[in-house]
Amino acid sequence: MAEHLRTMMAAVVTKGTAKDAGLPAGTAGKTGTAEYGTGPELDGHAWFIGYRGDLAFAVVVEGGGGAGKVAAPVAARFLRALGTP
């Protein structure tokens, strides 16, 4: 069961909603948007959770909207700042 989840999370980065975020090879994760407010058009917080090797991380951008274009690139910058190629 866990291996299926790992495969799906890797696919999010290689061919899914985070594929254009610039995440280093070997990163796996999941993007999402948490809507808030009231009315017909809701704002959203962008989030991306993931792991690379033995490092797990979570990024939330309040009011960020689309996670693949907002939160996942923040995670990519974080990983690169750690010296992750």
N, C-alpha and C. Protein backbone atom coordinates (compact mmCIF):
# COMPACT_ATOMS: atom_id res chain seq x y z
N MET A 1 0.82 -1.19 0.00
CA MET A 1 0.00 0.00 0.00
C MET A 1 0.86 1.26 0.00
N ALA A 2 1.89 1.33 0.86
CA ALA A 2 2.75 2.51 0.91
C ALA A 2 3.49 2.71 -0.40
N GLU A 3 3.87 1.64 -1.06
CA GLU A 3 4.58 1.76 -2.33
C GLU A 3 3.70 2.41 -3.40
N HIS A 4 2.41 2.12 -3.38
CA HIS A 4 1.48 2.75 -4.33
C HIS A 4 1.42 4.26 -4.08
N LEU A 5 1.38 4.65 -2.83
CA LEU A 5 1.35 6.07 -2.48
C LEU A 5 2.64 6.76 -2.93
N ARG A 6 3.78 6.12 -2.70
CA ARG A 6 5.06 6.68 -3.14
C ARG A 6 5.08 6.88 -4.66
N THR A 7 4.57 5.91 -5.39
CA THR A 7 4.52 5.98 -6.85
C THR A 7 3.65 7.15 -7.30
N MET A 8 2.50 7.30 -6.68
CA MET A 8 1.59 8.40 -7.04
C MET A 8 2.20 9.76 -6.70
N MET A 9 2.86 9.86 -5.54
CA MET A 9 3.47 11.13 -5.15
C MET A 9 4.64 11.48 -6.07
N ALA A 10 5.39 10.49 -6.52
CA ALA A 10 6.46 10.75 -7.48
C ALA A 10 5.89 11.25 -8.80
N ALA A 11 4.76 10.68 -9.22
CA ALA A 11 4.12 11.09 -10.48
C ALA A 11 3.62 12.53 -10.42
N VAL A 12 3.21 13.01 -9.26
CA VAL A 12 2.79 14.42 -9.12
C VAL A 12 3.94 15.34 -9.54
N VAL A 13 5.17 14.95 -9.19
CA VAL A 13 6.34 15.78 -9.48
C VAL A 13 6.84 15.57 -10.91
N THR A 14 6.77 14.35 -11.43
CA THR A 14 7.33 14.08 -12.76
C THR A 14 6.37 14.36 -13.90
N LYS A 15 5.06 14.22 -13.66
CA LYS A 15 4.12 14.43 -14.77
C LYS A 15 2.78 15.02 -14.34
N GLY A 16 2.68 15.43 -13.09
CA GLY A 16 1.41 15.96 -12.58
C GLY A 16 1.46 17.46 -12.32
N THR A 17 0.73 17.88 -11.31
CA THR A 17 0.53 19.30 -11.03
C THR A 17 1.78 20.03 -10.57
N ALA A 18 2.83 19.31 -10.17
CA ALA A 18 4.07 19.97 -9.73
C ALA A 18 5.22 19.77 -10.72
N LYS A 19 4.93 19.28 -11.92
CA LYS A 19 6.00 18.95 -12.86
C LYS A 19 6.81 20.15 -13.32
N ASP A 20 6.23 21.34 -13.34
CA ASP A 20 6.95 22.53 -13.81
C ASP A 20 7.52 23.37 -12.67
N ALA A 21 7.55 22.82 -11.47
CA ALA A 21 7.97 23.59 -10.29
C ALA A 21 9.49 23.65 -10.11
N GLY A 22 10.22 22.83 -10.86
CA GLY A 22 11.67 22.83 -10.72
C GLY A 22 12.18 22.03 -9.53
N LEU A 23 11.39 21.07 -9.10
CA LEU A 23 11.80 20.23 -7.97
C LEU A 23 12.93 19.29 -8.38
N PRO A 24 13.89 19.06 -7.47
CA PRO A 24 15.01 18.17 -7.79
C PRO A 24 14.54 16.73 -8.02
N ALA A 25 15.31 16.01 -8.82
CA ALA A 25 15.02 14.59 -9.06
C ALA A 25 14.97 13.85 -7.74
N GLY A 26 14.05 12.91 -7.65
CA GLY A 26 13.90 12.14 -6.43
C GLY A 26 12.92 12.72 -5.43
N THR A 27 12.36 13.88 -5.76
CA THR A 27 11.35 14.49 -4.89
C THR A 27 9.99 13.91 -5.22
N ALA A 28 9.19 13.67 -4.21
CA ALA A 28 7.82 13.21 -4.39
C ALA A 28 6.92 14.08 -3.54
N GLY A 29 5.68 14.29 -3.96
CA GLY A 29 4.81 15.15 -3.17
C GLY A 29 3.38 15.18 -3.65
N LYS A 30 2.64 16.08 -3.04
CA LYS A 30 1.21 16.26 -3.36
C LYS A 30 0.88 17.75 -3.25
N THR A 31 0.24 18.28 -4.27
CA THR A 31 -0.22 19.66 -4.25
C THR A 31 -1.67 19.71 -3.80
N GLY A 32 -2.09 20.88 -3.34
CA GLY A 32 -3.48 21.04 -2.96
C GLY A 32 -3.83 22.50 -2.73
N THR A 33 -5.11 22.75 -2.72
CA THR A 33 -5.63 24.09 -2.45
C THR A 33 -6.72 23.95 -1.39
N ALA A 34 -6.60 24.72 -0.33
CA ALA A 34 -7.60 24.73 0.74
C ALA A 34 -8.42 26.01 0.58
N GLU A 35 -9.65 25.86 0.11
CA GLU A 35 -10.50 27.03 -0.11
C GLU A 35 -11.03 27.57 1.21
N TYR A 36 -11.23 28.88 1.23
CA TYR A 36 -11.76 29.52 2.43
C TYR A 36 -12.65 30.69 2.02
N GLY A 37 -13.45 31.14 2.97
CA GLY A 37 -14.34 32.27 2.72
C GLY A 37 -15.75 31.82 2.44
N THR A 38 -16.54 32.74 1.96
CA THR A 38 -17.93 32.43 1.61
C THR A 38 -18.24 33.04 0.25
N GLY A 39 -19.29 32.59 -0.34
CA GLY A 39 -19.71 33.11 -1.63
C GLY A 39 -19.40 32.16 -2.76
N PRO A 40 -19.77 32.55 -3.97
CA PRO A 40 -19.61 31.65 -5.13
C PRO A 40 -18.15 31.47 -5.57
N GLU A 41 -17.29 32.47 -5.37
CA GLU A 41 -15.88 32.39 -5.73
C GLU A 41 -15.04 32.42 -4.45
N LEU A 42 -14.44 31.29 -4.10
CA LEU A 42 -13.67 31.19 -2.87
C LEU A 42 -12.18 31.38 -3.15
N ASP A 43 -11.49 32.06 -2.24
CA ASP A 43 -10.05 32.17 -2.30
C ASP A 43 -9.45 30.86 -1.81
N GLY A 44 -8.16 30.66 -2.06
CA GLY A 44 -7.54 29.41 -1.63
C GLY A 44 -6.12 29.59 -1.12
N HIS A 45 -5.78 28.76 -0.16
CA HIS A 45 -4.41 28.65 0.32
C HIS A 45 -3.75 27.54 -0.49
N ALA A 46 -2.56 27.80 -1.01
CA ALA A 46 -1.83 26.80 -1.79
C ALA A 46 -0.95 25.98 -0.85
N TRP A 47 -0.90 24.66 -1.05
CA TRP A 47 -0.02 23.85 -0.23
C TRP A 47 0.66 22.76 -1.07
N PHE A 48 1.81 22.35 -0.59
CA PHE A 48 2.56 21.26 -1.18
C PHE A 48 3.27 20.52 -0.06
N ILE A 49 3.05 19.23 0.02
CA ILE A 49 3.76 18.40 1.00
C ILE A 49 4.60 17.41 0.21
N GLY A 50 5.73 17.05 0.77
CA GLY A 50 6.55 16.11 0.03
C GLY A 50 7.70 15.57 0.82
N TYR A 51 8.53 14.80 0.13
CA TYR A 51 9.73 14.25 0.73
C TYR A 51 10.76 14.02 -0.36
N ARG A 52 11.99 13.99 0.07
CA ARG A 52 13.12 13.62 -0.78
C ARG A 52 14.10 12.91 0.13
N GLY A 53 14.34 11.65 -0.14
CA GLY A 53 15.17 10.84 0.75
C GLY A 53 14.52 10.76 2.12
N ASP A 54 15.28 11.13 3.16
CA ASP A 54 14.73 11.07 4.52
C ASP A 54 14.25 12.42 5.02
N LEU A 55 14.11 13.40 4.13
CA LEU A 55 13.63 14.73 4.49
C LEU A 55 12.18 14.89 4.06
N ALA A 56 11.32 15.22 5.01
CA ALA A 56 9.92 15.52 4.70
C ALA A 56 9.69 17.01 4.94
N PHE A 57 8.78 17.61 4.17
CA PHE A 57 8.53 19.05 4.29
C PHE A 57 7.08 19.36 3.91
N ALA A 58 6.64 20.53 4.33
CA ALA A 58 5.31 21.03 3.97
C ALA A 58 5.43 22.53 3.74
N VAL A 59 4.75 23.01 2.70
CA VAL A 59 4.73 24.43 2.37
C VAL A 59 3.27 24.86 2.27
N VAL A 60 2.94 25.96 2.94
CA VAL A 60 1.60 26.55 2.82
C VAL A 60 1.79 28.02 2.48
N VAL A 61 1.12 28.48 1.42
CA VAL A 61 1.16 29.89 1.03
C VAL A 61 -0.26 30.41 1.20
N GLU A 62 -0.46 31.20 2.24
CA GLU A 62 -1.79 31.72 2.53
C GLU A 62 -2.26 32.62 1.40
N GLY A 63 -3.46 32.35 0.89
CA GLY A 63 -4.01 33.13 -0.21
C GLY A 63 -3.29 32.91 -1.52
N GLY A 64 -2.49 31.84 -1.60
CA GLY A 64 -1.65 31.60 -2.77
C GLY A 64 -2.35 31.08 -4.00
N GLY A 65 -3.54 30.52 -3.85
CA GLY A 65 -4.26 30.00 -5.02
C GLY A 65 -3.73 28.65 -5.45
N GLY A 66 -3.28 28.55 -6.70
CA GLY A 66 -2.85 27.29 -7.29
C GLY A 66 -1.54 26.76 -6.73
N ALA A 67 -1.58 25.58 -6.15
CA ALA A 67 -0.43 25.03 -5.44
C ALA A 67 0.73 24.65 -6.36
N GLY A 68 0.44 24.08 -7.52
CA GLY A 68 1.51 23.67 -8.42
C GLY A 68 2.34 24.83 -8.92
N LYS A 69 1.72 25.98 -9.04
CA LYS A 69 2.42 27.17 -9.54
C LYS A 69 2.95 28.05 -8.43
N VAL A 70 2.52 27.83 -7.18
CA VAL A 70 2.91 28.71 -6.08
C VAL A 70 3.67 27.96 -4.99
N ALA A 71 3.06 26.98 -4.37
CA ALA A 71 3.68 26.30 -3.23
C ALA A 71 4.80 25.34 -3.65
N ALA A 72 4.61 24.60 -4.73
CA ALA A 72 5.65 23.65 -5.16
C ALA A 72 6.95 24.36 -5.54
N PRO A 73 6.93 25.51 -6.24
CA PRO A 73 8.19 26.21 -6.50
C PRO A 73 8.88 26.70 -5.22
N VAL A 74 8.12 27.03 -4.18
CA VAL A 74 8.72 27.41 -2.90
C VAL A 74 9.48 26.20 -2.34
N ALA A 75 8.88 25.03 -2.44
CA ALA A 75 9.55 23.81 -1.98
C ALA A 75 10.83 23.56 -2.78
N ALA A 76 10.78 23.82 -4.08
CA ALA A 76 11.97 23.64 -4.92
C ALA A 76 13.09 24.58 -4.47
N ARG A 77 12.76 25.83 -4.17
CA ARG A 77 13.78 26.77 -3.69
C ARG A 77 14.34 26.33 -2.35
N PHE A 78 13.48 25.82 -1.48
CA PHE A 78 13.90 25.30 -0.18
C PHE A 78 14.91 24.17 -0.35
N LEU A 79 14.59 23.20 -1.20
CA LEU A 79 15.48 22.06 -1.42
C LEU A 79 16.80 22.50 -2.03
N ARG A 80 16.77 23.43 -2.99
CA ARG A 80 18.01 23.92 -3.59
C ARG A 80 18.85 24.66 -2.55
N ALA A 81 18.21 25.40 -1.64
CA ALA A 81 18.95 26.13 -0.60
C ALA A 81 19.66 25.17 0.35
N LEU A 82 19.15 23.96 0.47
CA LEU A 82 19.80 22.93 1.30
C LEU A 82 20.96 22.27 0.57
N GLY A 83 21.14 22.65 -0.68
CA GLY A 83 22.21 22.03 -1.46
C GLY A 83 21.77 20.79 -2.20
N THR A 84 20.46 20.64 -2.36
CA THR A 84 19.91 19.50 -3.06
C THR A 84 19.92 19.81 -4.56
N PRO A 85 20.62 19.03 -5.36
CA PRO A 85 20.70 19.31 -6.81
C PRO A 85 19.37 19.05 -7.52
